[in-house]
Protein backbone atom coordinates (compact mmCIF):
# COMPACT_ATOMS: atom_id res chain seq x y z
CA MET A 1 75.86 6.43 96.93
CA VAL A 2 77.75 7.53 93.86
CA ALA A 3 81.34 8.45 94.60
CA ARG A 4 82.97 11.69 93.46
CA SER A 5 84.67 11.45 90.06
CA SER A 6 86.05 13.69 87.36
CA VAL A 7 87.86 13.30 84.08
CA GLY A 8 90.69 15.56 82.98
CA LEU A 9 92.21 14.53 79.66
CA ARG A 10 94.74 16.29 77.52
CA SER A 11 92.77 15.26 74.47
CA SER A 12 89.16 14.27 74.86
CA PRO A 13 87.08 13.08 71.92
CA PRO A 14 83.94 15.09 71.20
CA LEU A 15 80.85 13.93 73.09
CA SER A 16 78.54 14.21 70.12
CA LYS A 17 79.14 10.57 69.14
CA ARG A 18 76.54 7.98 69.95
CA TRP A 19 78.99 5.92 71.98
CA LEU A 20 82.13 6.79 73.84
CA SER A 21 85.09 4.48 74.03
CA SER A 22 85.50 3.05 77.52
CA SER A 23 89.05 4.37 77.56
CA PHE A 24 87.63 7.86 77.94
CA VAL A 25 85.28 7.05 80.83
CA LEU A 26 86.07 6.88 84.52
CA ALA A 27 83.68 4.86 86.65
CA LEU A 28 82.22 6.57 89.74
CA SER A 29 82.58 3.58 92.00
CA ALA A 30 84.48 0.34 91.93
CA GLY A 31 82.80 -2.50 90.12
CA LEU A 32 80.59 -0.30 87.91
CA GLY A 33 80.78 -0.65 84.14
CA ALA A 34 82.73 2.12 82.43
CA CYS A 35 80.19 2.78 79.70
CA ALA A 36 76.79 1.80 78.36
CA PRO A 37 76.44 -1.63 76.77
CA GLU A 38 77.35 -1.84 73.10
CA GLN A 39 73.79 -2.24 71.94
CA SER A 40 70.51 -0.35 72.03
CA THR A 41 66.87 -1.22 71.63
CA GLU A 42 65.29 0.16 68.52
CA GLU A 43 62.02 1.07 70.24
CA HIS A 44 63.79 3.92 72.13
CA ALA A 45 64.69 7.16 70.42
CA VAL A 46 68.34 7.91 69.89
CA GLY A 47 69.69 11.41 70.50
CA SER A 48 66.61 12.76 72.32
CA VAL A 49 66.94 16.35 73.54
CA ARG A 50 65.12 18.28 76.27
CA ALA A 51 64.49 21.95 75.54
CA ALA A 52 66.50 24.69 77.17
CA LEU A 53 65.22 25.82 80.55
CA THR A 54 66.02 29.42 79.76
CA ASN A 55 67.65 31.29 76.91
CA GLY A 56 70.43 33.11 78.70
CA ALA A 57 68.09 34.55 81.34
CA ALA A 58 69.43 36.16 84.50
CA SER A 59 68.31 33.15 86.52
CA ASN A 60 70.78 31.09 84.44
CA CYS A 61 73.72 33.54 84.62
CA GLY A 62 73.40 34.20 80.90
CA TYR A 63 73.77 30.51 80.00
CA GLU A 64 71.52 28.16 78.09
CA ILE A 65 71.32 24.66 79.54
CA THR A 66 69.96 21.63 77.70
CA SER A 67 69.95 17.89 78.25
CA GLY A 68 69.34 14.75 76.24
CA THR A 69 70.44 11.20 75.63
CA TYR A 70 72.83 9.51 73.25
CA SER A 71 71.06 6.24 73.71
CA GLN A 72 68.48 4.43 75.78
CA TRP A 73 68.03 0.74 76.55
CA PRO A 74 65.98 -1.31 79.01
CA ASN A 75 66.91 -0.16 82.49
CA GLY A 76 69.59 2.22 81.31
CA TYR A 77 70.58 5.20 79.23
CA GLN A 78 73.49 7.44 78.35
CA GLY A 79 72.72 11.13 78.96
CA TRP A 80 74.39 14.46 78.39
CA VAL A 81 74.05 18.08 79.51
CA THR A 82 75.30 21.08 77.53
CA LEU A 83 76.07 24.53 78.93
CA LYS A 84 76.09 27.26 76.29
CA ASN A 85 77.40 30.68 77.23
CA VAL A 86 74.94 33.06 75.58
CA ASN A 87 75.86 36.31 77.27
CA GLY A 88 77.32 35.32 80.61
CA PRO A 89 80.80 35.49 82.13
CA SER A 90 83.57 33.17 80.95
CA ALA A 91 83.26 30.17 83.21
CA THR A 92 86.09 28.44 85.01
CA ALA A 93 83.68 26.86 87.49
CA PHE A 94 80.04 25.85 87.52
CA GLU A 95 77.53 24.01 89.64
CA VAL A 96 74.58 22.18 88.14
CA PHE A 97 71.83 20.36 89.96
CA LEU A 98 70.73 17.32 87.99
CA ASP A 99 67.27 15.82 88.54
CA VAL A 100 67.35 12.31 87.07
CA GLY A 101 63.89 11.31 88.25
CA ASN A 102 63.65 7.74 89.51
CA THR A 103 66.99 6.75 88.03
CA SER A 104 70.56 6.94 89.29
CA ILE A 105 73.93 7.81 87.78
CA ALA A 106 76.33 4.90 87.48
CA ASP A 107 79.30 6.83 86.12
CA GLY A 108 80.07 10.05 84.30
CA TRP A 109 82.81 12.14 82.69
CA GLN A 110 83.87 15.69 81.98
CA ALA A 111 82.52 16.74 85.42
CA VAL A 112 82.44 15.80 89.08
CA PHE A 113 79.22 14.09 90.25
CA ASN A 114 78.01 13.99 93.87
CA GLU A 115 74.74 12.53 94.99
CA SER A 116 72.58 15.06 96.83
CA GLU A 117 69.00 15.34 98.05
CA GLY A 118 66.68 14.60 95.16
CA GLY A 119 69.38 14.24 92.50
CA TYR A 120 73.03 15.01 91.84
CA THR A 121 75.25 18.04 92.22
CA VAL A 122 77.58 18.34 89.23
CA THR A 123 80.66 20.61 89.24
CA GLU A 124 83.44 21.43 86.81
CA PRO A 125 86.57 19.30 86.35
CA SER A 126 89.74 20.81 87.78
CA TRP A 127 91.23 21.58 84.38
CA LEU A 128 88.37 23.90 83.35
CA VAL A 129 90.23 26.75 85.04
CA TRP A 130 92.58 26.73 82.03
CA GLN A 131 90.07 25.92 79.32
CA ARG A 132 87.17 28.26 80.32
CA ILE A 133 83.76 28.59 78.63
CA PRO A 134 83.75 31.98 76.83
CA GLN A 135 80.68 33.63 75.35
CA GLY A 136 79.41 31.76 72.31
CA ALA A 137 81.08 28.52 73.42
CA SER A 138 79.50 25.36 74.83
CA TYR A 139 80.60 22.75 77.30
CA GLN A 140 79.17 19.25 77.62
CA PHE A 141 79.38 16.53 80.25
CA ALA A 142 77.84 13.10 80.11
CA PHE A 143 76.90 10.14 82.28
CA ASN A 144 75.48 6.65 82.29
CA GLY A 145 72.15 6.22 84.03
CA SER A 146 70.63 3.15 85.66
CA GLY A 147 66.86 2.81 85.45
CA ASN A 148 64.20 3.58 82.89
CA TYR A 149 64.75 7.02 81.40
CA ALA A 150 61.86 9.45 81.79
CA GLY A 151 63.75 12.68 81.32
CA VAL A 152 66.62 14.48 83.00
CA THR A 153 66.29 18.10 84.11
CA PRO A 154 69.41 20.21 84.76
CA TYR A 155 69.42 23.48 86.72
CA LEU A 156 72.37 25.86 86.60
CA ILE A 157 73.03 26.89 90.20
CA SER A 158 76.15 29.03 89.89
CA VAL A 159 78.92 30.19 87.58
CA ASN A 160 82.34 31.07 89.03
CA GLY A 161 80.84 30.84 92.50
CA THR A 162 78.10 33.40 91.80
CA ARG A 163 74.58 32.11 92.28
CA CYS A 164 72.43 32.48 89.20
CA ASP A 165 69.03 32.51 90.86
CA GLU A 166 68.38 34.72 93.89
CA VAL A 167 64.60 34.83 93.57
CA ALA A 168 62.70 32.99 96.30
CA PRO A 169 59.66 30.88 95.50
CA VAL A 170 56.19 32.24 96.23
CA VAL A 171 53.97 29.97 98.30
CA ASP A 172 50.44 30.22 99.66
CA LEU A 173 49.31 27.76 102.32
CA GLU A 174 45.67 26.91 102.85
CA VAL A 175 44.15 24.73 105.56
CA SER A 176 40.92 22.82 105.11
CA LYS A 177 39.64 23.88 108.53
CA LYS A 178 40.81 26.33 111.16
CA LEU A 179 38.91 24.96 114.14
CA PHE A 180 38.53 21.35 115.29
CA THR A 181 36.22 20.47 118.16
CA ALA A 182 36.01 16.77 117.20
CA ASN A 183 38.36 14.22 115.65
CA GLY A 184 38.93 14.74 111.95
CA THR A 185 41.45 15.21 109.17
CA LEU A 186 43.30 18.42 108.41
CA LYS A 187 44.41 18.93 104.82
CA LEU A 188 47.27 21.29 104.09
CA THR A 189 47.47 22.57 100.52
CA ALA A 190 50.35 24.73 99.30
CA THR A 191 50.30 26.57 95.98
CA ALA A 192 53.92 27.29 95.06
CA SER A 193 55.65 28.91 92.09
CA ASP A 194 59.18 29.97 91.20
CA ASP A 195 60.98 31.70 88.34
CA VAL A 196 62.96 28.48 87.75
CA ALA A 197 61.21 25.56 89.42
CA VAL A 198 59.87 24.33 92.75
CA ARG A 199 61.80 21.27 93.85
CA ARG A 200 59.79 20.45 96.94
CA VAL A 201 57.50 21.83 99.61
CA ILE A 202 58.29 21.11 103.24
CA PHE A 203 55.42 21.04 105.73
CA GLU A 204 56.05 21.81 109.39
CA GLN A 205 53.92 21.77 112.51
CA ASP A 206 55.11 24.04 115.31
CA GLY A 207 58.60 24.06 113.81
CA THR A 208 58.89 20.29 113.29
CA VAL A 209 58.94 18.79 109.79
CA ILE A 210 55.92 16.54 109.29
CA GLY A 211 56.05 15.93 105.56
CA VAL A 212 57.59 16.73 102.18
CA ASP A 213 55.87 16.79 98.79
CA THR A 214 57.86 17.00 95.57
CA GLU A 215 55.00 17.22 93.08
CA ALA A 216 52.15 19.67 92.65
CA PRO A 217 49.56 19.82 94.03
CA TYR A 218 51.61 20.03 97.22
CA GLU A 219 49.42 18.49 99.89
CA LEU A 220 49.53 16.76 103.24
CA GLU A 221 46.77 15.23 105.35
CA ILE A 222 47.06 15.07 109.12
CA PRO A 223 44.80 13.13 111.51
CA VAL A 224 43.48 15.43 114.23
CA THR A 225 42.77 14.13 117.73
CA ASP A 226 42.81 15.63 121.21
CA ALA A 227 46.55 14.95 121.26
CA LEU A 228 46.86 18.09 119.12
CA ASN A 229 44.78 20.29 121.42
CA GLY A 230 45.92 23.88 121.38
CA ARG A 231 46.89 26.44 118.77
CA ARG A 232 48.92 24.66 116.09
CA ARG A 233 50.98 26.65 113.62
CA PHE A 234 51.65 25.08 110.24
CA THR A 235 54.25 26.21 107.73
CA ALA A 236 54.75 25.37 104.07
CA THR A 237 58.22 26.14 102.72
CA ALA A 238 58.89 25.92 98.99
CA VAL A 239 62.46 25.22 97.88
CA ASP A 240 63.85 25.89 94.40
CA PRO A 241 66.88 24.18 92.82
CA SER A 242 69.24 26.89 94.10
CA GLY A 243 68.06 26.43 97.67
CA ASN A 244 66.05 29.67 97.78
CA THR A 245 63.03 29.32 100.05
CA GLY A 246 59.67 30.98 100.49
CA SER A 247 57.21 30.22 103.27
CA ASP A 248 53.64 30.80 104.30
CA ARG A 249 51.97 30.05 107.61
CA GLU A 250 48.51 29.23 108.90
CA SER A 251 47.30 28.41 112.36
CA VAL A 252 44.66 25.90 113.43
CA LEU A 253 42.98 25.67 116.81
CA VAL A 254 42.27 22.18 118.11
CA ALA A 255 39.89 22.08 121.06
CA ILE A 256 38.58 18.56 121.46
CA GLY A 257 36.98 17.87 124.83
CA ASN A 258 38.56 20.88 126.55
CA ARG A 259 35.85 23.55 126.52
CA PHE A 260 35.51 25.67 129.62
CA VAL A 261 32.88 27.31 131.78
CA GLY A 262 34.53 30.22 133.52
CA THR A 263 33.79 33.08 135.83
CA ALA A 264 34.83 36.67 136.35
CA ILE A 265 36.73 37.43 139.56
CA ASP A 266 36.74 40.75 141.37
CA ALA A 267 36.41 40.67 145.17
CA ASN A 268 38.28 38.36 147.52
CA ALA A 269 35.03 36.53 148.25
CA ASP A 270 34.80 35.49 144.60
CA TYR A 271 37.74 33.14 144.98
CA GLU A 272 36.18 30.94 147.67
CA HIS A 273 33.88 28.94 145.38
CA ALA A 274 35.38 29.67 141.98
CA ALA A 275 37.39 26.46 141.60
CA ALA A 276 34.46 24.30 142.73
CA TYR A 277 32.21 25.29 139.83
CA PHE A 278 34.37 26.86 137.12
CA ASN A 279 37.56 26.15 135.18
CA GLN A 280 38.52 29.47 133.59
CA ILE A 281 39.25 32.90 135.04
CA THR A 282 38.74 36.43 133.74
CA PRO A 283 39.42 39.40 136.02
CA GLY A 284 36.28 41.55 136.02
CA ASN A 285 38.11 44.83 136.53
CA ALA A 286 41.70 44.14 137.60
CA GLY A 287 42.99 43.84 134.02
CA LYS A 288 41.61 47.12 132.76
CA TRP A 289 44.09 49.86 132.02
CA GLY A 290 42.24 52.44 134.09
CA GLU A 291 42.34 50.15 137.13
CA VAL A 292 46.05 49.40 136.85
CA GLU A 293 47.38 52.85 135.95
CA ARG A 294 45.05 55.39 137.56
CA VAL A 295 48.10 57.56 138.12
CA ARG A 296 50.39 57.98 135.13
CA ASP A 297 53.46 55.73 135.32
CA THR A 298 52.30 54.26 138.64
CA MET A 299 51.12 50.66 138.17
CA ASP A 300 48.92 48.84 140.69
CA TRP A 301 49.29 45.15 139.86
CA GLU A 302 47.99 43.68 143.14
CA LYS A 303 44.53 42.55 142.02
CA LEU A 304 45.73 41.34 138.63
CA ASP A 305 48.60 39.43 140.23
CA GLU A 306 46.10 37.67 142.47
CA ALA A 307 43.84 36.62 139.60
CA VAL A 308 46.75 35.41 137.44
CA ALA A 309 48.20 33.42 140.35
CA PHE A 310 44.84 31.79 141.12
CA ALA A 311 44.40 30.66 137.53
CA ALA A 312 47.95 29.30 137.41
CA GLU A 313 47.55 27.47 140.71
CA HIS A 314 44.48 25.62 139.44
CA GLY A 315 45.66 25.14 135.85
CA PHE A 316 42.83 27.31 134.50
CA PRO A 317 43.14 29.27 131.25
CA PHE A 318 43.34 32.99 131.97
CA LYS A 319 41.94 35.75 129.82
CA LEU A 320 43.11 39.34 130.13
CA HIS A 321 40.24 41.80 129.94
CA THR A 322 41.05 44.20 128.27
CA LEU A 323 43.76 46.12 126.37
CA VAL A 324 41.69 48.79 124.59
CA TRP A 325 38.30 50.11 125.72
CA GLY A 326 36.56 53.44 125.77
CA GLN A 327 35.45 53.06 129.37
CA GLN A 328 37.61 52.70 132.46
CA GLU A 329 40.52 54.39 130.71
CA PRO A 330 43.25 56.04 132.77
CA PRO A 331 41.73 59.43 133.73
CA TRP A 332 44.78 61.33 132.50
CA LEU A 333 44.89 59.74 129.04
CA ALA A 334 42.28 61.71 127.06
CA ALA A 335 44.08 65.03 127.56
CA LEU A 336 47.33 63.84 125.95
CA PRO A 337 48.21 64.58 122.32
CA PRO A 338 47.74 61.59 119.98
CA GLU A 339 51.43 60.73 119.70
CA GLU A 340 51.74 60.50 123.49
CA GLN A 341 48.55 58.46 123.73
CA LEU A 342 50.03 55.93 121.33
CA GLU A 343 53.28 55.84 123.27
CA GLU A 344 51.36 55.22 126.49
CA LEU A 345 49.40 52.38 124.88
CA GLU A 346 52.66 50.78 123.75
CA GLU A 347 53.98 51.12 127.32
CA TRP A 348 50.79 49.55 128.72
CA MET A 349 51.13 46.48 126.50
CA ALA A 350 54.87 46.22 127.07
CA ALA A 351 54.42 46.40 130.84
CA LEU A 352 51.87 43.59 130.78
CA LYS A 353 54.13 41.43 128.63
CA GLU A 354 57.15 42.05 130.83
CA ARG A 355 55.27 41.11 133.99
CA TYR A 356 53.12 38.20 132.81
CA GLY A 357 54.39 37.03 129.43
CA ASP A 358 51.75 35.79 126.99
CA PHE A 359 48.25 35.28 128.35
CA ALA A 360 46.16 32.35 127.15
CA MET A 361 43.57 34.79 125.80
CA ILE A 362 43.24 38.56 125.52
CA ASP A 363 40.26 40.79 124.81
CA VAL A 364 42.24 43.17 122.62
CA VAL A 365 39.42 45.61 121.89
CA ASN A 366 36.30 45.67 124.02
CA GLU A 367 33.03 47.07 122.66
CA PRO A 368 34.26 48.66 119.42
CA LEU A 369 30.66 49.15 118.29
CA HIS A 370 29.65 50.94 121.47
CA ALA A 371 32.62 52.43 123.32
CA PRO A 372 35.59 53.47 121.15
CA PRO A 373 38.50 54.86 123.19
CA SER A 374 39.41 58.53 123.55
CA TYR A 375 42.67 57.71 121.73
CA LYS A 376 40.92 56.28 118.66
CA GLN A 377 42.55 58.86 116.39
CA ALA A 378 45.98 58.00 117.76
CA LEU A 379 45.38 54.46 116.47
CA GLY A 380 44.45 55.69 112.99
CA GLY A 381 40.81 56.60 113.40
CA ASP A 382 38.28 55.15 110.98
CA GLY A 383 40.74 55.26 108.08
CA GLU A 384 40.14 53.53 104.76
CA THR A 385 38.50 50.46 106.27
CA GLY A 386 36.26 52.32 108.69
CA TRP A 387 37.95 50.41 111.50
CA ASP A 388 41.64 51.22 111.09
CA TRP A 389 41.95 51.93 114.80
CA VAL A 390 40.83 48.40 115.69
CA ILE A 391 43.25 46.90 113.16
CA THR A 392 46.13 48.91 114.60
CA ALA A 393 45.27 47.81 118.13
CA PHE A 394 45.36 44.16 117.05
CA GLU A 395 48.64 44.66 115.20
CA MET A 396 50.16 46.07 118.36
CA ALA A 397 48.76 43.22 120.43
CA ARG A 398 50.09 40.60 118.01
CA ARG A 399 53.52 42.17 118.21
CA HIS A 400 53.56 42.23 122.00
CA PHE A 401 51.74 38.92 122.58
CA PRO A 402 52.56 36.62 119.64
CA SER A 403 51.52 33.44 121.46
CA SER A 404 48.25 34.71 122.93
CA GLU A 405 44.79 34.10 121.49
CA LEU A 406 43.57 37.54 120.44
CA HIS A 407 39.84 38.22 120.74
CA LEU A 408 37.36 40.93 119.83
CA ASN A 409 34.58 41.47 122.37
CA ASP A 410 31.23 43.28 122.33
CA TYR A 411 27.62 43.07 123.52
CA GLN A 412 24.25 43.26 121.79
CA VAL A 413 25.64 41.27 118.87
CA LEU A 414 23.19 38.36 118.69
CA ILE A 415 19.91 40.20 119.24
CA PHE A 416 19.36 41.47 115.68
CA ASP A 417 20.74 40.42 112.30
CA GLN A 418 22.06 43.91 111.59
CA PHE A 419 24.06 43.96 114.81
CA THR A 420 25.66 40.67 113.83
CA THR A 421 26.42 42.02 110.36
CA ASP A 422 28.09 45.11 111.79
CA TYR A 423 30.22 43.00 114.09
CA LEU A 424 31.19 40.58 111.35
CA GLN A 425 32.48 43.48 109.26
CA ILE A 426 35.15 44.15 111.88
CA VAL A 427 35.84 40.45 112.34
CA GLY A 428 36.33 40.06 108.59
CA LEU A 429 38.85 42.88 108.38
CA LEU A 430 40.88 41.34 111.20
CA GLN A 431 40.56 37.84 109.80
CA GLU A 432 41.83 38.93 106.37
CA ARG A 433 44.99 40.16 108.08
CA GLY A 434 45.46 37.11 110.29
CA LEU A 435 45.05 39.20 113.43
CA ILE A 436 42.09 37.63 115.22
CA ASP A 437 41.96 34.23 116.91
CA GLY A 438 38.51 34.25 118.46
CA ILE A 439 35.19 36.10 118.54
CA GLY A 440 33.77 37.26 121.85
CA GLU A 441 30.06 37.89 122.41
CA GLN A 442 29.43 39.15 125.91
CA GLY A 443 26.06 37.53 126.49
CA HIS A 444 24.57 40.47 128.39
CA PHE A 445 20.97 41.65 127.80
CA LEU A 446 19.59 38.48 126.25
CA GLU A 447 16.74 38.06 128.74
CA ARG A 448 14.08 38.84 126.13
CA ALA A 449 15.89 38.15 122.88
CA ASP A 450 14.24 35.80 120.41
CA LEU A 451 15.99 32.48 120.94
CA ASP A 452 15.76 31.51 117.28
CA VAL A 453 17.42 34.77 116.31
CA VAL A 454 20.15 34.27 118.90
CA GLU A 455 20.83 30.77 117.61
CA ALA A 456 20.89 31.85 113.96
CA ASN A 457 23.22 34.79 114.58
CA LEU A 458 25.51 32.64 116.70
CA ALA A 459 25.75 30.31 113.70
CA ARG A 460 26.77 33.30 111.56
CA LEU A 461 29.66 34.02 113.91
CA ALA A 462 30.66 30.35 113.85
CA ALA A 463 30.57 30.33 110.03
CA THR A 464 33.72 32.49 110.02
CA GLY A 465 35.66 29.39 111.06
CA LEU A 466 36.86 31.16 114.19
CA PRO A 467 36.13 29.92 117.68
CA VAL A 468 33.40 31.77 119.53
CA TYR A 469 33.42 32.64 123.22
CA ILE A 470 30.48 33.81 125.32
CA THR A 471 32.54 36.11 127.46
CA GLU A 472 30.29 37.84 130.01
CA PHE A 473 27.14 35.76 130.23
CA ASP A 474 24.49 36.60 132.76
CA VAL A 475 20.75 36.50 133.20
CA SER A 476 19.39 39.10 135.57
CA PHE A 477 16.08 37.97 137.08
CA ALA A 478 15.29 38.05 140.79
CA ASN A 479 12.83 35.19 140.46
CA ASP A 480 14.87 31.97 140.75
CA ALA A 481 12.60 29.94 138.48
CA ARG A 482 12.48 32.60 135.81
CA HIS A 483 16.24 33.01 136.05
CA ALA A 484 16.87 29.27 135.78
CA ASN A 485 14.58 28.77 132.79
CA ARG A 486 16.11 31.56 130.78
CA PHE A 487 19.63 30.57 131.79
CA ARG A 488 18.99 26.99 130.63
CA ASP A 489 17.55 28.08 127.29
CA LEU A 490 20.44 30.41 126.45
CA PHE A 491 23.25 28.22 127.75
CA THR A 492 21.94 25.24 125.80
CA ILE A 493 22.04 27.25 122.57
CA PHE A 494 25.61 28.28 123.30
CA TRP A 495 26.88 24.86 124.31
CA GLU A 496 25.25 22.96 121.47
CA ASN A 497 27.13 25.05 118.93
CA PRO A 498 30.48 23.24 118.53
CA SER A 499 32.28 26.48 117.68
CA VAL A 500 31.61 27.85 121.15
CA LEU A 501 34.72 26.84 123.06
CA GLY A 502 33.93 28.56 126.31
CA VAL A 503 31.27 30.37 128.30
CA THR A 504 32.39 32.77 131.02
CA HIS A 505 29.74 33.86 133.51
CA TRP A 506 30.22 37.46 134.59
CA GLY A 507 30.64 36.82 138.29
CA HIS A 508 28.81 34.25 140.36
CA LEU A 509 28.35 35.33 143.97
CA GLU A 510 25.30 37.26 145.16
CA GLY A 511 26.24 40.85 145.78
CA HIS A 512 29.34 40.58 143.61
CA THR A 513 27.91 40.52 140.08
CA TRP A 514 27.76 43.48 137.73
CA ARG A 515 24.01 43.06 137.26
CA PRO A 516 22.12 42.80 140.56
CA ASN A 517 20.15 39.56 140.04
CA ALA A 518 22.60 37.64 137.84
CA HIS A 519 24.29 35.60 140.58
CA LEU A 520 24.60 31.80 140.46
CA LEU A 521 25.44 31.39 144.15
CA TYR A 522 23.60 32.91 147.08
CA ALA A 523 25.55 35.06 149.49
CA ASP A 524 25.92 32.04 151.83
CA GLY A 525 27.57 30.00 149.02
CA GLY A 526 24.57 27.86 148.19
CA PRO A 527 23.79 27.25 144.50
CA ARG A 528 20.87 28.87 142.77
CA PRO A 529 18.62 26.52 140.73
CA ALA A 530 20.32 27.61 137.51
CA LEU A 531 23.68 26.44 138.86
CA ASP A 532 22.18 23.11 139.94
CA TRP A 533 20.89 22.65 136.41
CA LEU A 534 24.27 23.64 134.94
CA THR A 535 26.16 21.17 137.12
CA CYS A 536 23.81 18.39 136.05
CA TYR A 537 23.94 19.34 132.37
CA LEU A 538 27.72 19.57 132.17
CA GLY A 539 27.98 16.29 134.06
CA GLY A 540 26.04 14.53 131.31
CA GLY A 541 22.77 14.19 133.20
CA GLU A 542 19.74 13.19 131.16
CA GLU A 543 17.06 14.61 133.45
CA CYS A 544 18.35 18.02 134.46
CA THR A 545 15.45 20.10 135.64
CA VAL A 546 14.70 23.68 136.56
CA PRO A 547 11.77 24.96 138.64
CA GLU A 548 8.61 25.72 136.75
CA TYR A 549 8.13 29.40 136.12
CA VAL A 550 4.60 30.81 136.12
CA PRO A 551 4.62 34.44 134.97
CA GLU A 552 2.52 36.84 136.93
CA PRO A 553 0.02 38.80 134.83
CA PHE A 554 0.76 42.39 133.95
CA VAL A 555 -1.52 45.06 135.31
CA GLY A 556 -2.41 48.40 133.80
CA ASP A 557 -5.08 50.54 132.25
CA GLU A 558 -5.79 52.30 128.98
CA SER A 559 -2.59 54.35 129.37
CA GLY A 560 -0.31 51.33 129.43
CA ILE A 561 0.90 48.41 131.51
CA VAL A 562 3.13 48.56 134.53
CA LEU A 563 6.41 46.62 134.51
CA GLU A 564 8.79 46.10 137.35
CA GLY A 565 12.37 47.31 137.00
CA GLU A 566 13.80 43.95 135.98
CA ASP A 567 11.40 43.79 133.04
CA TYR A 568 13.08 46.68 131.25
CA ASP A 569 15.41 45.75 128.44
CA GLU A 570 18.77 47.12 129.52
CA ALA A 571 20.44 47.05 126.12
CA GLU A 572 21.40 50.60 125.35
CA GLY A 573 19.37 52.21 122.58
CA LEU A 574 17.33 49.07 121.87
CA LEU A 575 13.55 49.11 121.67
CA ALA A 576 12.93 45.51 122.55
CA LEU A 577 9.42 45.24 121.13
CA GLY A 578 9.41 48.24 118.82
CA GLY A 579 7.22 51.28 119.21
CA PRO A 580 7.91 54.43 121.17
CA ALA A 581 10.23 54.35 124.15
CA ARG A 582 9.09 55.99 127.36
CA THR A 583 11.26 56.98 130.26
CA PRO A 584 10.87 54.87 133.41
CA THR A 585 9.48 56.64 136.43
CA THR A 586 12.23 57.17 138.96
CA GLU A 587 10.07 57.07 142.08
CA THR A 588 8.38 53.69 141.74
CA GLY A 589 10.81 51.78 139.54
CA SER A 590 8.01 50.94 137.14
CA ALA A 591 7.40 52.18 133.62
CA THR A 592 4.93 52.15 130.79
CA ALA A 593 7.25 50.63 128.18
CA ARG A 594 9.85 47.87 128.05
CA TRP A 595 12.94 50.04 127.89
CA CYS A 596 15.66 51.57 129.93
CA SER A 597 19.12 52.78 129.04
CA ARG A 598 22.29 50.97 130.02
CA THR A 599 23.66 52.60 133.13
CA ALA A 600 27.35 53.42 133.30
CA GLY A 601 29.17 52.47 136.45
CA THR A 602 32.50 51.45 137.90
CA ARG A 603 31.76 47.76 137.42
CA SER A 604 31.28 47.70 133.69
CA PRO A 605 31.81 44.66 131.46
């Protein structure tokens, strides 16, 4: 380390000479030579000069700063720096940061030199308080360098204690991938600029420094394994010579070998077998605003407390369902003026945060395509984007739950390309603003969907780079074999897509599922064939079978065919096979077309 040194002489010779007499040089540390050797090599230029960094710009306090060398020789040089007061204040003090590259300063004069990170901090000699540097005048200090000269860059940090540069660098951080479900390499790339210069970019992971790069392109590669599982937040901070900083952040989700198959919990009976077959919990109804606050300012937390406690006891990730939804709202909410509606929504989120903290996952908005809330206008309505109200809801959720994974959730997304496109429009708006952490597709009403279409549209969701969650999966067939076959076909599509990090079945116990024939366990607790297949499949079995399903032939006449109730497509407004829709007969439960409307009820998804 170079020791502090300064020179204060009553009469100092000018520093424009090629060599300085050793009598005018004070070494920085004992044992160092006082001056450069009395010879130079002819192959090096003498008197080289580096151009001014600025010409009296505000970032230089109205000073021009230049640097150069008197002489260079193998493994050494004698350098100088000149401060010229163009239109700045008369200086009695200055601070310069000196970047000498891969060299070091052996000794110097006409200034005080201190080694600092990445170079040297140079300050005025004590006698400058009497001499000053008025406008139009110049001041020069010099030094002997050890090492091969490749240029010296000075930066004027302050004059008379006033910082010259107050402008922070601008930095943009990009990550090579936002979701890892297998081992790999994450590349961080920061694009940084500054009105003076960028000295370095510091990379951090979850607040801990993991690397520093001093040259553009500013990059860092990180090996990714299951040791990084979880949401990782990376920061790139650019630092300029004056110590001003600018930062940008990106998050990456690592989920290697920790996918889940969950269930929705409602009744007390649902808890008995939940931990035996599932490893994630979503409350079917207990987390909905209308269930918790039926009476204004009176909160019923009992059912939600139970579900949260069960998940915590078993170490299962818990997802809150849901913050904003057009169904199961508090019955008193729609009549309020918009400003009060927004206040009540803030209170709802704040109350959840105060009681439970951050949840692992949250369905922020449920069914934006199908069931916007009565307080949509209070959230901004359609606005410029067409979905301003959704954006506002996510902004509120991010503010209240900064450490939660925020999801969008809807049904009927994978059945047709256009439905997927509509959903991706909302996802894109949220993703541009860094507000969404995962995409939810409920998984209802896929009994007759084209499997190739489902697979292709699932891939479109995954192409966003966000994790995908099948949030309310069910297959509603009374016939066990038919149920098991369709369950297997759909679940396999979901699970073979690496971006699908979890599948939550919407209930599991007979008599306690939203759709009547969607259960995986019989009322006595025994598994249905679909659950036997699932247990085998998730356990890595190679010969996981389901019962053979032999469809019964349809019957009918020239007026049409007769279908049983479970053969209707329950997706609201969807004509499953095209053609005219006909209303089911209410007496027999049969109909002449494959259609029926989604029925509203108290146990909605």
